[in-house]
Amino acid sequence: MRTLILLLTLATTGANAQSFYLFVGTYTNTGTLPGAPPLDSTGSKGIYVYRFDAATGKAHLLSHTTGVCNPSYLTMAPDGHHLYSVTDSRMVKAGTVSAFDFDRSSGQLRLLNKVWSGGDNPAYISVDATGHWAAVANYTGGTWSLFPILTNGKLDKGAVTIFSGHGVNRDRQEKPHTHSAVFSPDNKYLYIQDLGLDRISIEPFDATTQPDDPGMHTVFYDNPWVPPADSPAEREDSSKLPTFSGVGPRHLTFHPNGKFAYLLEEMGGSVDVYRYDTASGRLDSLQRIAAHPDTAKGPFRSADIHASPDGRFLYTSNRAENTITIFAIDATTGLLKTVGYQSVLGKEPRNFALDPTGSWLLVANQESKAIVVFRVDRKSGLLQPLESRIDVTTPTCLKFTR
């Protein structure tokens, strides 16, 4: 009997090890954001929760939210019990950030609270390694915000930093457009990618320090957030890393070994490779490589970037060509070599994700109202699509958690 129980336990453990939660963010309201193209979000419920089987690549719907407006980018806290989302994005009013409690037994999300994001059209959110802080990039507002996370998972009032200036492209870079906020692997720095200013801002980060400490010029606000009449000048002590002019920095990701960083240029259509200096937070440039074929003439609209869990491959999504670009990573130098290009079999691959095993790559084709699942060849990095799709209206963000 004991042997039978042990075998059943091992079998159950093995099954669970190959099963993950998949969260899908969407647009539920096309909004009235000036200059934004129209979207058909009819039928979208908000955030969808699936059980993903890493043995088969199939997903089973567990639940979805209701009444949540445009949860377009998501992140899971390290504890696996709290999900955070930018909300009210793509609207003319100031955006919000929402905190959810996640019931792992039922797969249900429960809204805990919602706070103002500190700017218009929040586009990105991340949580630091301690689970005590959430960073938000407000794209249209050109600001970034830092929120304390309370012990119950709720978001406290935050602090906002306001940038100023413009880039060389007056159509796309007429003002700051902060697009992502990424914590370093060692949790010592926060990197703010600004499409409008062609710049990465490198902020020293201490999870035990309040954001109003000397050297961090921020403006505290209560709900609702209203920009001060006189916006503060940019901080003189903030480290700023300029990128190539007119390339529009969008997303930054780190290699799993923590030694290298990869920046995706939305407008430049290339990947910039950096060596990460843990002592100073400095990013030293190593390489710039195109994320599109030589035949592609632009304008480029690169969207998302991720490294495989084993660190052997890097992937980017290209909305102009509707492809995924596959790079091989040199484990010693961090440099990239192009492996190939894979059609996403849809339109507008705004976001994609690799499952924790690295066996599957899922693409959120926003305008095709579907998520396409690809099997990853672990030796070559190449992708093979499954015939089945996950039908979701306007999918914009995919996140896995164990």
Foldseek 3Di string as FASTA:
>chain_A
DVVVVVVVVVVVVVQVVQKWKKKFAFAQDQADQPPDDGADQPPFAGIWIWIAGNVPRDTHTQDGHHPFHRQQEKEAFPVNFKIKGWGPANYPDFTKIWMWGADPVRRDTDTDDMAGQQFHGWAEWYAFNVRQKIKIFHFVRLKIKIWGQDPVRGTDFIWIAHAFDFADPCVRQVTWGWAYWDAAPVRQWIWTFTQGHQKIWIGGDDSVDDQVPPPRDIHTDGPPDDADPDHDYDGPNIDMDHHPGPQGWHDKDAQLVRQKIWIAGQQNQWIWIFGADPVPRDTHTDDIGHQDDPPDDDSWGKADKDAQLVRQWIWTATQVQQKIWIWGADPPPRDTDTLDIGHQPAHDQREWDAENVSQWIWTQRQRRQWIWIWGADPVRRDTHTDPDIHGHHRTNYMDIDD
